[in-house]
Amino acid sequence: MSTADNLQQQSLAEEEYSYDVVPYPSHPFRQSHPERLASVGNLFGIKPAAIENCRVLEIGCAAGGNLIPMAESLPESQFIGVDLSKKQIERGQLNIDALGLTNIELKHMDCTDIDESMGKFDYIIVHGVFSWIPENVQEKIFEICQKNMNENGIAYISYNTYPGWHLRGMIRDMMNYHVRNLKDAPRRIQQSRALLEFLAKSVSADKGAYGMLLNSELQLLRRQSDNYLFHEHLEKDNTPIYFHEFIERAKNYDLQYLGESQLATMWIGNFPKEIAQTLERIAPDIVQREQYADFVRNRTFRQTLLCNKDAPVSRALKLESLEGSYFTGNMDEHAEKGKMPQPGEPRTFANPVTRQTMTTQDPLVIETVTKLKEAYPCAVAFDDLFQNALDKMVDGVIADASKIEALKRSLATNLIHMTVSGIVELQYNPSMYTADIPEFPKTSAVARMQAESTNRLTSCRHETVNVDDLSKHLVPLMDGTRSKDQLVEELKRLVDEGKLVIQQKGEKPQGISMDEVMGKAVDEVLKRLANASLLVRP
């Protein structure tokens, strides 16, 4: 074996050891879900595989926290995850066995051993891996995307970027210097935090640009978990890259830039008007424009989607781009207190999560926003949104087909703008959850298993949701076999066994029967679970 091979094996052994000693949390990442990847692909015209019947590979799957919920919700699709951490793979396999899933396999293996014998995939996910591996393994990632991806496949790769990581890299260098002689992981973490506190006290935020930037980063790191600090800053490898360099390397493997998993980060309309106009003038090419946008934002992290170089990517978004589409949205209206909006007046709406706002007088858009809020968190088909708006706006039937087509194109244009600006979300499949309370409520098997030990559950939107203790105790019972009345009886049992105490505003309820109290408690839990996308569609 050559010296280079020895060094590579040594590097891999160190990586395996570090993730076994300090396991990285294994959670769902909504931005990496095939639903999101397919949405970007469909919007830009490449027609990827339907998520209901696809093959998915995740490199760096840890214990399967991202992949296992996908496998449960998409039983006709196939999932393979690989990771170097033997302990995490074993833990994930135990969960797979407990859930009885047969469409997923986790492999303890080096991704450099992946070859064409593993077959082709429609979606390849590489989250939290690329920046933390040696350059030769990074090249292997590109090669896998080239050789193991179907014709209209999509690869998701997240990575640290410059220029934002120049400052973080400086702090990383300081911490690694401070712990250079320490081998014990807990001790390295403890001493790194001690250094951060020392720097925070020694360099005040009012000491010029350096002090301001340094303290901003220090405050961020103070809030991060030990495993984040260890793997983000104390690992041997952490090599950020400029976006344009990443794309150039991808091109060497016949891959092209599709877009970002978070579409709103691509829309220069989110910049002030003068900046957006300048970006359009100096960077007509999308890769150049994205790179200049990174310079303006001081961007630190990307979630980039790649596809084959021959995939027919089209940036000309129009009505046809929304064929088979669905939308979700939960916009709050900003209005003067006590004032009813009048027809024709401008109305302002805001997404409470992304904090993006829009003002419109268009009745098509206003009716659509209202319909989306009523249906939230469930998605509504574009055709249904248009028909609803038309029914609300028009008294009678429009005989002129060209007028109907013009209105439909107008709504499509507005919804595309709302999507790329982060006001609404786009998908190309119906929601896998329900906002209505079924006769026999059911949560996912993954959520039921998680609720046995934690309040952090994976929703059917592939997000982590924190639930209250009452919900945590009831979720494991919601397997689709119990009615609401039966859930009330189960709640009585939990109270009788002393596992739960029913209180109202911190006190035991007075002047009301316990049956009534428990019935209301179950109703409230079911409503909260529905709003959190935790109830599976019947």
Protein backbone atom coordinates (compact mmCIF):
# COMPACT_ATOMS: atom_id res chain seq x y z
CA MET A 1 0.00 0.00 0.00
CA SER A 2 1.34 3.42 -0.95
CA THR A 3 1.98 6.27 1.47
CA ALA A 4 -1.00 8.14 -0.03
CA ASP A 5 -3.24 5.12 0.57
CA ASN A 6 -2.02 4.86 4.15
CA LEU A 7 -2.77 8.53 4.74
CA GLN A 8 -6.23 8.16 3.26
CA GLN A 9 -7.04 5.14 5.45
CA GLN A 10 -5.74 7.02 8.48
CA SER A 11 -7.96 10.00 7.61
CA LEU A 12 -11.00 7.76 7.21
CA ALA A 13 -10.31 6.02 10.50
CA GLU A 14 -10.13 9.39 12.27
CA GLU A 15 -13.42 10.48 10.69
CA GLU A 16 -15.17 7.28 11.68
CA TYR A 17 -13.86 7.55 15.22
CA SER A 18 -14.90 11.18 15.63
CA TYR A 19 -18.52 10.56 14.59
CA ASP A 20 -18.71 7.47 16.80
CA VAL A 21 -17.34 9.37 19.80
CA VAL A 22 -19.47 12.48 19.19
CA PRO A 23 -22.46 11.33 17.12
CA TYR A 24 -24.05 14.01 14.99
CA PRO A 25 -27.82 14.42 15.56
CA SER A 26 -29.83 12.61 12.92
CA HIS A 27 -32.82 14.79 12.04
CA PRO A 28 -35.09 15.44 9.06
CA PHE A 29 -33.93 18.17 6.66
CA ARG A 30 -36.95 19.38 4.72
CA GLN A 31 -34.79 21.10 2.11
CA SER A 32 -33.31 17.72 1.13
CA HIS A 33 -36.64 15.86 0.77
CA PRO A 34 -37.37 14.51 -2.75
CA GLU A 35 -40.58 16.56 -2.68
CA ARG A 36 -38.53 19.77 -2.53
CA LEU A 37 -35.96 18.57 -5.10
CA ALA A 38 -38.72 17.49 -7.49
CA SER A 39 -40.43 20.86 -7.08
CA VAL A 40 -37.35 22.78 -8.21
CA GLY A 41 -36.77 20.31 -11.04
CA ASN A 42 -40.34 20.54 -12.30
CA LEU A 43 -40.40 24.33 -12.04
CA PHE A 44 -37.26 24.53 -14.19
CA GLY A 45 -38.57 22.05 -16.72
CA ILE A 46 -36.54 18.85 -16.29
CA LYS A 47 -39.43 16.54 -15.24
CA PRO A 48 -37.72 14.44 -12.52
CA ALA A 49 -39.08 11.11 -11.28
CA ALA A 50 -42.32 11.17 -9.30
CA ILE A 51 -41.44 10.95 -5.61
CA GLU A 52 -44.05 8.22 -5.06
CA ASN A 53 -41.92 5.79 -7.07
CA CYS A 54 -38.25 6.73 -7.05
CA ARG A 55 -34.80 5.62 -5.83
CA VAL A 56 -32.98 7.79 -3.31
CA LEU A 57 -29.36 7.64 -2.10
CA GLU A 58 -28.15 9.56 0.94
CA ILE A 59 -24.40 9.85 1.50
CA GLY A 60 -23.65 10.56 5.16
CA CYS A 61 -27.02 9.31 6.43
CA ALA A 62 -25.92 9.00 10.11
CA ALA A 63 -28.65 7.09 11.99
CA GLY A 64 -31.21 7.65 9.24
CA GLY A 65 -33.10 10.50 10.89
CA ASN A 66 -33.48 12.14 7.48
CA LEU A 67 -34.01 9.03 5.36
CA ILE A 68 -36.22 6.80 7.55
CA PRO A 69 -39.25 9.16 7.64
CA MET A 70 -39.01 9.44 3.84
CA ALA A 71 -39.08 5.65 3.53
CA GLU A 72 -42.18 5.36 5.71
CA SER A 73 -44.13 8.07 3.90
CA LEU A 74 -43.14 6.83 0.40
CA PRO A 75 -43.53 3.04 0.67
CA GLU A 76 -43.25 2.42 -3.11
CA SER A 77 -39.88 4.19 -3.31
CA GLN A 78 -36.48 2.73 -2.44
CA PHE A 79 -33.92 4.33 -0.11
CA ILE A 80 -30.26 3.57 0.52
CA GLY A 81 -28.11 5.39 3.07
CA VAL A 82 -24.36 5.06 3.62
CA ASP A 83 -22.21 6.33 6.46
CA LEU A 84 -18.78 5.69 8.01
CA SER A 85 -20.12 5.69 11.58
CA LYS A 86 -20.80 2.08 12.48
CA LYS A 87 -22.57 3.00 15.72
CA GLN A 88 -24.99 5.34 13.98
CA ILE A 89 -25.76 2.84 11.22
CA GLU A 90 -26.47 0.17 13.83
CA ARG A 91 -28.77 2.55 15.72
CA GLY A 92 -30.60 3.44 12.53
CA GLN A 93 -31.00 -0.22 11.57
CA LEU A 94 -32.59 -0.95 14.94
CA ASN A 95 -35.17 1.76 14.24
CA ILE A 96 -35.82 0.38 10.74
CA ASP A 97 -36.38 -3.09 12.18
CA ALA A 98 -38.70 -1.74 14.87
CA LEU A 99 -40.74 0.11 12.23
CA GLY A 100 -40.84 -2.92 9.95
CA LEU A 101 -39.70 -0.96 6.89
CA THR A 102 -38.58 -3.03 3.91
CA ASN A 103 -37.83 -0.27 1.37
CA ILE A 104 -34.75 1.17 3.07
CA GLU A 105 -31.23 -0.07 3.73
CA LEU A 106 -28.47 1.61 5.72
CA LYS A 107 -24.92 0.56 4.89
CA HIS A 108 -21.79 1.02 6.98
CA MET A 109 -19.40 1.85 4.18
CA ASP A 110 -17.06 4.44 2.72
CA CYS A 111 -18.73 6.43 -0.04
CA THR A 112 -15.56 5.98 -2.13
CA ASP A 113 -16.63 2.33 -2.47
CA ILE A 114 -19.89 3.29 -4.21
CA ASP A 115 -19.81 2.17 -7.83
CA GLU A 116 -22.21 1.51 -10.69
CA SER A 117 -23.21 -1.85 -9.18
CA MET A 118 -25.37 0.07 -6.70
CA GLY A 119 -27.55 1.15 -9.62
CA LYS A 120 -29.04 4.47 -10.68
CA PHE A 121 -30.84 6.93 -8.43
CA ASP A 122 -33.42 9.63 -9.08
CA TYR A 123 -32.34 11.71 -6.10
CA ILE A 124 -28.94 11.86 -4.37
CA ILE A 125 -28.68 13.65 -1.02
CA VAL A 126 -25.36 14.82 0.44
CA HIS A 127 -26.19 16.98 3.47
CA GLY A 128 -23.52 18.15 5.90
CA VAL A 129 -20.77 16.09 4.25
CA PHE A 130 -19.06 17.83 1.32
CA SER A 131 -17.11 20.51 3.22
CA TRP A 132 -15.96 18.05 5.86
CA ILE A 133 -14.19 15.46 3.68
CA PRO A 134 -10.83 15.48 1.84
CA GLU A 135 -10.72 16.82 -1.71
CA ASN A 136 -10.36 13.37 -3.29
CA VAL A 137 -13.57 12.24 -1.56
CA GLN A 138 -15.30 15.42 -2.73
CA GLU A 139 -14.34 14.47 -6.27
CA LYS A 140 -15.84 11.02 -5.66
CA ILE A 141 -19.13 12.70 -4.66
CA PHE A 142 -19.24 14.43 -8.06
CA GLU A 143 -18.38 11.14 -9.77
CA ILE A 144 -21.25 9.36 -7.99
CA CYS A 145 -23.63 12.09 -9.14
CA GLN A 146 -22.33 11.62 -12.69
CA LYS A 147 -22.42 7.81 -12.84
CA ASN A 148 -25.17 6.84 -10.40
CA MET A 149 -27.83 9.41 -11.27
CA ASN A 150 -30.65 8.86 -13.74
CA GLU A 151 -31.06 11.04 -16.82
CA ASN A 152 -33.44 13.48 -15.11
CA GLY A 153 -32.03 12.92 -11.63
CA ILE A 154 -31.27 15.64 -9.10
CA ALA A 155 -28.42 15.80 -6.58
CA TYR A 156 -28.64 17.90 -3.41
CA ILE A 157 -25.28 18.93 -1.95
CA SER A 158 -24.87 21.32 0.99
CA TYR A 159 -21.54 22.99 1.73
CA ASN A 160 -19.89 25.92 3.46
CA THR A 161 -19.16 28.89 1.23
CA TYR A 162 -16.96 31.92 0.97
CA PRO A 163 -16.90 34.82 1.51
CA GLY A 164 -18.93 34.29 4.71
CA TRP A 165 -16.75 31.46 5.96
CA HIS A 166 -13.57 33.55 5.95
CA LEU A 167 -14.46 34.96 9.37
CA ARG A 168 -15.75 31.64 10.70
CA GLY A 169 -12.58 29.99 9.43
CA MET A 170 -10.57 32.48 11.46
CA ILE A 171 -12.45 31.48 14.64
CA ARG A 172 -12.04 27.80 13.72
CA ASP A 173 -8.27 28.34 13.39
CA MET A 174 -8.16 30.00 16.82
CA MET A 175 -10.01 27.09 18.46
CA ASN A 176 -7.89 24.44 16.76
CA TYR A 177 -4.71 26.20 17.87
CA HIS A 178 -6.00 26.34 21.44
CA VAL A 179 -6.82 22.59 21.59
CA ARG A 180 -3.91 21.41 19.39
CA ASN A 181 -2.43 19.25 22.17
CA LEU A 182 -5.72 17.75 23.39
CA LYS A 183 -7.02 14.40 22.13
CA ASP A 184 -10.07 13.82 24.33
CA ALA A 185 -13.21 15.06 22.53
CA PRO A 186 -15.12 16.35 25.61
CA ARG A 187 -12.01 18.20 26.75
CA ARG A 188 -11.51 19.74 23.29
CA ILE A 189 -15.11 20.95 23.28
CA GLN A 190 -14.86 22.37 26.81
CA GLN A 191 -11.65 24.22 26.08
CA SER A 192 -13.01 25.58 22.79
CA ARG A 193 -15.96 27.07 24.66
CA ALA A 194 -13.58 28.53 27.23
CA LEU A 195 -11.65 30.23 24.43
CA LEU A 196 -14.88 31.66 23.00
CA GLU A 197 -15.74 33.18 26.38
CA PHE A 198 -12.23 34.63 26.66
CA LEU A 199 -12.51 36.23 23.22
CA ALA A 200 -15.96 37.60 23.98
CA LYS A 201 -14.64 39.33 27.11
CA SER A 202 -11.42 40.50 25.49
CA VAL A 203 -12.75 41.98 22.22
CA SER A 204 -15.79 44.17 22.74
CA ALA A 205 -18.30 44.64 19.95
CA ASP A 206 -17.59 48.38 19.76
CA LYS A 207 -13.93 47.82 18.81
CA GLY A 208 -14.46 48.50 15.11
CA ALA A 209 -15.43 46.07 12.36
CA TYR A 210 -13.32 43.23 13.81
CA GLY A 211 -14.97 43.42 17.21
CA MET A 212 -18.46 43.68 15.77
CA LEU A 213 -18.04 40.72 13.42
CA LEU A 214 -16.19 38.60 15.96
CA ASN A 215 -18.82 39.08 18.66
CA SER A 216 -21.63 38.36 16.22
CA GLU A 217 -20.06 34.99 15.40
CA LEU A 218 -19.26 34.27 19.03
CA GLN A 219 -22.89 34.86 20.05
CA LEU A 220 -23.97 32.43 17.34
CA LEU A 221 -21.52 29.73 18.45
CA ARG A 222 -22.53 30.11 22.10
CA ARG A 223 -26.02 28.90 21.16
CA GLN A 224 -24.82 25.86 19.22
CA SER A 225 -24.69 22.32 20.60
CA ASP A 226 -21.46 20.52 21.47
CA ASN A 227 -21.75 18.17 18.50
CA TYR A 228 -22.11 21.13 16.11
CA LEU A 229 -19.09 22.86 17.61
CA PHE A 230 -17.02 19.70 17.45
CA HIS A 231 -17.82 18.68 13.88
CA GLU A 232 -18.05 22.17 12.40
CA HIS A 233 -14.92 23.61 13.94
CA LEU A 234 -12.73 20.87 15.42
CA GLU A 235 -12.81 18.27 12.64
CA LYS A 236 -9.64 17.78 10.62
CA ASP A 237 -11.38 18.76 7.38
CA ASN A 238 -13.58 21.79 6.83
CA THR A 239 -12.93 23.34 3.44
CA PRO A 240 -15.39 26.04 2.33
CA ILE A 241 -15.52 26.93 -1.34
CA TYR A 242 -16.73 29.77 -3.53
CA PHE A 243 -19.94 28.95 -5.37
CA HIS A 244 -18.42 29.48 -8.83
CA GLU A 245 -15.58 27.08 -7.94
CA PHE A 246 -18.09 24.44 -6.83
CA ILE A 247 -19.99 24.72 -10.13
CA GLU A 248 -16.77 24.58 -12.19
CA ARG A 249 -15.78 21.37 -10.45
CA ALA A 250 -19.26 19.93 -11.02
CA LYS A 251 -18.98 20.73 -14.75
CA ASN A 252 -15.93 18.48 -14.93
CA TYR A 253 -18.32 15.60 -14.23
CA ASP A 254 -20.97 16.62 -16.79
CA LEU A 255 -23.19 18.20 -14.15
CA GLN A 256 -24.93 21.57 -14.40
CA TYR A 257 -26.43 24.00 -11.92
CA LEU A 258 -30.16 23.50 -11.46
CA GLY A 259 -30.82 25.85 -8.56
CA GLU A 260 -31.00 26.09 -4.78
CA SER A 261 -33.23 23.95 -2.60
CA GLN A 262 -34.42 27.22 -1.04
CA LEU A 263 -35.69 29.00 -4.12
CA ALA A 264 -36.07 32.34 -2.34
CA THR A 265 -32.29 32.64 -2.03
CA MET A 266 -32.06 32.74 -5.85
CA TRP A 267 -34.48 35.63 -6.36
CA ILE A 268 -32.63 38.93 -6.67
CA GLY A 269 -35.96 40.70 -6.20
CA ASN A 270 -35.35 40.18 -2.47
CA PHE A 271 -32.52 42.71 -2.78
CA PRO A 272 -33.14 46.47 -2.85
CA LYS A 273 -34.04 47.62 -6.37
CA GLU A 274 -30.68 49.28 -7.14
CA ILE A 275 -28.71 46.18 -6.11
CA ALA A 276 -30.97 43.88 -8.14
CA GLN A 277 -30.58 46.06 -11.22
CA THR A 278 -26.79 46.13 -10.83
CA LEU A 279 -26.63 42.35 -10.47
CA GLU A 280 -28.67 41.91 -13.67
CA ARG A 281 -26.34 44.30 -15.51
CA ILE A 282 -22.96 42.95 -14.41
CA ALA A 283 -23.90 39.26 -14.18
CA PRO A 284 -26.29 38.12 -16.93
CA ASP A 285 -25.21 34.49 -16.43
CA ILE A 286 -26.98 32.78 -13.50
CA VAL A 287 -23.77 31.35 -12.00
CA GLN A 288 -22.12 34.78 -12.06
CA ARG A 289 -25.24 36.37 -10.59
CA GLU A 290 -25.38 33.82 -7.78
CA GLN A 291 -21.71 34.41 -7.01
CA TYR A 292 -22.11 38.20 -6.85
CA ALA A 293 -25.19 37.71 -4.67
CA ASP A 294 -23.00 35.68 -2.27
CA PHE A 295 -20.56 38.60 -2.15
CA VAL A 296 -23.40 40.97 -1.22
CA ARG A 297 -24.89 38.62 1.40
CA ASN A 298 -21.55 37.42 2.83
CA ARG A 299 -23.05 33.96 2.42
CA THR A 300 -21.77 31.09 4.56
CA PHE A 301 -23.80 28.05 3.44
CA ARG A 302 -25.49 26.69 0.32
CA GLN A 303 -27.89 23.86 -0.50
CA THR A 304 -27.24 23.47 -4.21
CA LEU A 305 -29.06 21.22 -6.67
CA LEU A 306 -27.22 19.69 -9.64
CA CYS A 307 -28.51 17.79 -12.65
CA ASN A 308 -27.05 16.21 -15.78
CA LYS A 309 -25.52 18.64 -18.27
CA ASP A 310 -28.01 17.60 -20.98
CA ALA A 311 -31.11 18.06 -18.79
CA PRO A 312 -33.38 20.66 -20.46
CA VAL A 313 -33.22 23.33 -17.75
CA SER A 314 -35.46 26.31 -18.53
CA ARG A 315 -35.52 29.52 -16.50
CA ALA A 316 -38.53 30.85 -18.45
CA LEU A 317 -41.16 30.34 -15.76
CA LYS A 318 -44.76 30.51 -16.99
CA LEU A 319 -48.20 28.90 -16.70
CA GLU A 320 -46.97 25.63 -18.23
CA SER A 321 -44.35 25.40 -15.47
CA LEU A 322 -47.18 24.90 -12.96
CA GLU A 323 -48.77 21.89 -14.63
CA GLY A 324 -49.70 19.45 -11.84
CA SER A 325 -48.59 21.86 -9.11
CA TYR A 326 -49.84 22.48 -5.56
CA PHE A 327 -49.23 25.39 -3.20
CA THR A 328 -49.16 25.90 0.56
CA GLY A 329 -49.25 29.23 2.32
CA ASN A 330 -50.08 30.73 5.70
CA MET A 331 -50.04 34.47 5.17
CA ASP A 332 -51.14 36.94 7.84
CA GLU A 333 -52.71 40.19 6.73
CA HIS A 334 -51.24 43.44 8.01
CA ALA A 335 -54.14 45.85 8.43
CA GLU A 336 -55.12 48.74 10.64
CA LYS A 337 -56.86 47.52 13.76
CA GLY A 338 -60.64 47.70 13.45
CA LYS A 339 -60.55 48.72 9.78
CA MET A 340 -62.21 46.47 7.21
CA PRO A 341 -60.41 46.35 3.86
CA GLN A 342 -62.40 47.83 0.99
CA PRO A 343 -62.55 46.40 -2.56
CA GLY A 344 -59.75 47.77 -4.71
CA GLU A 345 -57.61 48.90 -1.76
CA PRO A 346 -54.01 47.64 -1.49
CA ARG A 347 -53.66 44.80 1.04
CA THR A 348 -50.45 43.60 2.63
CA PHE A 349 -49.75 39.97 3.55
CA ALA A 350 -46.74 38.40 5.28
CA ASN A 351 -45.39 34.89 5.71
CA PRO A 352 -44.73 34.62 9.49
CA VAL A 353 -41.92 32.08 8.98
CA THR A 354 -39.91 33.64 6.13
CA ARG A 355 -41.05 37.18 7.08
CA GLN A 356 -41.45 37.99 3.41
CA THR A 357 -44.26 40.43 2.65
CA MET A 358 -46.26 41.47 -0.38
CA THR A 359 -48.82 44.16 -1.14
CA THR A 360 -51.47 43.60 -3.80
CA GLN A 361 -54.74 44.96 -5.14
CA ASP A 362 -55.29 41.99 -7.46
CA PRO A 363 -58.52 40.19 -6.43
CA LEU A 364 -57.20 36.95 -7.98
CA VAL A 365 -54.22 37.01 -5.62
CA ILE A 366 -56.27 38.11 -2.60
CA GLU A 367 -58.76 35.25 -3.04
CA THR A 368 -55.87 32.80 -3.55
CA VAL A 369 -54.08 33.93 -0.40
CA THR A 370 -57.33 33.59 1.56
CA LYS A 371 -57.93 30.07 0.21
CA LEU A 372 -54.38 28.96 1.04
CA LYS A 373 -54.69 30.21 4.62
CA GLU A 374 -57.99 28.36 5.05
CA ALA A 375 -56.43 25.11 3.82
CA TYR A 376 -53.12 25.44 5.65
CA PRO A 377 -51.05 23.38 6.31
CA CYS A 378 -52.39 21.34 3.38
CA ALA A 379 -51.49 22.12 -0.21
CA VAL A 380 -54.09 23.21 -2.77
CA ALA A 381 -53.86 22.37 -6.48
CA PHE A 382 -53.19 25.34 -8.77
CA ASP A 383 -56.27 24.56 -10.85
CA ASP A 384 -58.44 24.54 -7.71
CA LEU A 385 -56.96 27.85 -6.57
CA PHE A 386 -57.75 29.44 -9.91
CA GLN A 387 -61.30 28.07 -10.05
CA ASN A 388 -61.97 29.22 -6.48
CA ALA A 389 -60.72 32.73 -7.23
CA LEU A 390 -62.75 32.85 -10.45
CA ASP A 391 -65.91 31.74 -8.65
CA LYS A 392 -65.44 34.41 -5.97
CA MET A 393 -64.66 37.19 -8.45
CA VAL A 394 -67.07 36.53 -11.29
CA ASP A 395 -70.86 36.47 -11.02
CA GLY A 396 -71.83 34.04 -13.76
CA VAL A 397 -69.88 32.37 -16.56
CA ILE A 398 -67.14 33.96 -18.66
CA ALA A 399 -67.84 32.91 -22.22
CA ASP A 400 -64.61 34.26 -23.68
CA ALA A 401 -61.98 31.49 -23.31
CA SER A 402 -59.16 33.93 -24.03
CA LYS A 403 -60.16 36.04 -21.02
CA ILE A 404 -60.10 32.94 -18.78
CA GLU A 405 -56.67 32.00 -20.16
CA ALA A 406 -55.35 35.53 -19.51
CA LEU A 407 -56.59 35.44 -15.92
CA LYS A 408 -55.04 32.01 -15.39
CA ARG A 409 -51.67 33.18 -16.73
CA SER A 410 -51.87 36.24 -14.50
CA LEU A 411 -52.41 34.11 -11.39
CA ALA A 412 -49.62 31.73 -12.46
CA THR A 413 -47.19 34.66 -12.84
CA ASN A 414 -48.09 35.99 -9.41
CA LEU A 415 -47.80 32.59 -7.73
CA ILE A 416 -44.38 32.02 -9.32
CA HIS A 417 -43.23 35.39 -7.94
CA MET A 418 -44.69 34.49 -4.54
CA THR A 419 -42.84 31.15 -4.66
CA VAL A 420 -39.39 32.48 -5.54
CA SER A 421 -39.75 35.28 -3.00
CA GLY A 422 -40.58 32.87 -0.15
CA ILE A 423 -44.23 33.88 0.33
CA VAL A 424 -45.68 30.47 -0.58
CA GLU A 425 -44.30 26.95 -1.12
CA LEU A 426 -44.60 24.95 -4.32
CA GLN A 427 -44.85 21.18 -4.69
CA TYR A 428 -45.98 18.72 -7.36
CA ASN A 429 -47.82 16.18 -5.22
CA PRO A 430 -50.75 16.38 -2.80
CA SER A 431 -49.97 16.74 0.89
CA MET A 432 -49.26 13.52 2.76
CA TYR A 433 -51.06 14.82 5.86
CA THR A 434 -54.49 16.18 6.74
CA ALA A 435 -55.73 19.36 8.39
CA ASP A 436 -59.05 17.66 9.20
CA ILE A 437 -59.47 15.36 12.19
CA PRO A 438 -60.11 11.79 10.91
CA GLU A 439 -62.57 9.51 12.68
CA PHE A 440 -59.60 7.34 13.66
CA PRO A 441 -56.64 9.75 14.03
CA LYS A 442 -53.25 8.44 12.96
CA THR A 443 -49.73 9.77 13.29
CA SER A 444 -46.75 8.31 11.46
CA ALA A 445 -45.03 5.25 12.92
CA VAL A 446 -41.84 7.32 13.11
CA ALA A 447 -43.56 9.99 15.21
CA ARG A 448 -45.14 7.35 17.46
CA MET A 449 -41.76 5.74 18.04
CA GLN A 450 -40.09 9.11 18.73
CA ALA A 451 -42.82 10.11 21.20
CA GLU A 452 -41.89 7.16 23.40
CA SER A 453 -38.70 8.99 24.36
CA THR A 454 -38.77 12.64 23.24
CA ASN A 455 -40.96 15.67 22.57
CA ARG A 456 -39.21 16.32 19.23
CA LEU A 457 -41.19 14.57 16.51
CA THR A 458 -40.84 14.37 12.73
CA SER A 459 -43.90 15.79 11.00
CA CYS A 460 -45.34 14.63 7.68
CA ARG A 461 -43.85 17.84 6.20
CA HIS A 462 -40.46 16.37 7.10
CA GLU A 463 -39.78 18.93 9.81
CA THR A 464 -38.91 18.61 13.49
CA VAL A 465 -41.83 19.68 15.68
CA ASN A 466 -41.74 20.19 19.44
CA VAL A 467 -44.91 18.94 21.13
CA ASP A 468 -46.24 19.39 24.66
CA ASP A 469 -46.22 16.56 27.22
CA LEU A 470 -49.91 15.73 26.76
CA SER A 471 -49.44 15.33 23.01
CA LYS A 472 -46.30 13.28 23.60
CA HIS A 473 -48.30 10.78 25.68
CA LEU A 474 -51.18 10.56 23.20
CA VAL A 475 -49.22 10.36 19.94
CA PRO A 476 -48.06 6.73 20.51
CA LEU A 477 -51.73 5.75 20.82
CA MET A 478 -52.72 7.27 17.47
CA ASP A 479 -52.13 4.31 15.17
CA GLY A 480 -55.43 4.62 13.32
CA THR A 481 -57.28 2.05 15.43
CA ARG A 482 -58.74 4.37 18.09
CA SER A 483 -61.55 6.90 17.75
CA LYS A 484 -61.55 10.18 19.64
CA ASP A 485 -63.76 8.64 22.36
CA GLN A 486 -61.29 5.77 22.73
CA LEU A 487 -58.43 8.26 23.02
CA VAL A 488 -60.35 9.96 25.82
CA GLU A 489 -60.58 6.60 27.60
CA GLU A 490 -56.84 6.10 27.14
CA LEU A 491 -56.25 9.55 28.61
CA LYS A 492 -58.34 8.62 31.66
CA ARG A 493 -56.17 5.53 32.07
CA LEU A 494 -52.98 7.60 31.95
CA VAL A 495 -54.38 9.95 34.59
CA ASP A 496 -55.54 7.04 36.79
CA GLU A 497 -52.07 5.50 36.54
CA GLY A 498 -50.53 8.80 37.65
CA LYS A 499 -48.63 9.30 34.38
CA LEU A 500 -50.48 12.56 33.66
CA VAL A 501 -52.16 15.27 35.71
CA ILE A 502 -54.92 17.27 34.03
CA GLN A 503 -54.85 20.96 34.98
CA GLN A 504 -56.34 24.19 33.72
CA LYS A 505 -54.08 27.21 34.09
CA GLY A 506 -51.98 25.31 36.60
CA GLU A 507 -54.94 24.25 38.77
CA LYS A 508 -57.17 21.20 38.84
CA PRO A 509 -60.43 21.97 36.97
CA GLN A 510 -63.39 23.04 39.10
CA GLY A 511 -67.11 22.97 38.27
CA ILE A 512 -66.74 20.74 35.23
CA SER A 513 -66.77 16.96 34.85
CA MET A 514 -63.48 15.18 34.21
CA ASP A 515 -65.03 13.50 31.15
CA GLU A 516 -65.71 16.92 29.66
CA VAL A 517 -62.24 18.18 30.56
CA MET A 518 -60.55 15.17 28.99
CA GLY A 519 -62.71 15.40 25.89
CA LYS A 520 -61.66 19.00 25.41
CA ALA A 521 -58.03 18.09 26.08
CA VAL A 522 -58.06 15.44 23.35
CA ASP A 523 -59.76 17.89 20.96
CA GLU A 524 -57.03 20.45 21.58
CA VAL A 525 -54.27 17.89 21.09
CA LEU A 526 -55.76 16.71 17.79
CA LYS A 527 -56.06 20.30 16.60
CA ARG A 528 -52.42 21.04 17.50
CA LEU A 529 -51.22 17.87 15.77
CA ALA A 530 -53.20 18.71 12.62
CA ASN A 531 -51.77 22.24 12.54
CA ALA A 532 -48.27 20.77 12.95
CA SER A 533 -48.77 18.37 9.99
CA LEU A 534 -48.53 15.34 12.28
CA LEU A 535 -51.80 13.62 11.28
CA VAL A 536 -51.42 11.20 8.38
CA ARG A 537 -53.90 11.56 5.53
CA PRO A 538 -56.40 8.60 5.61
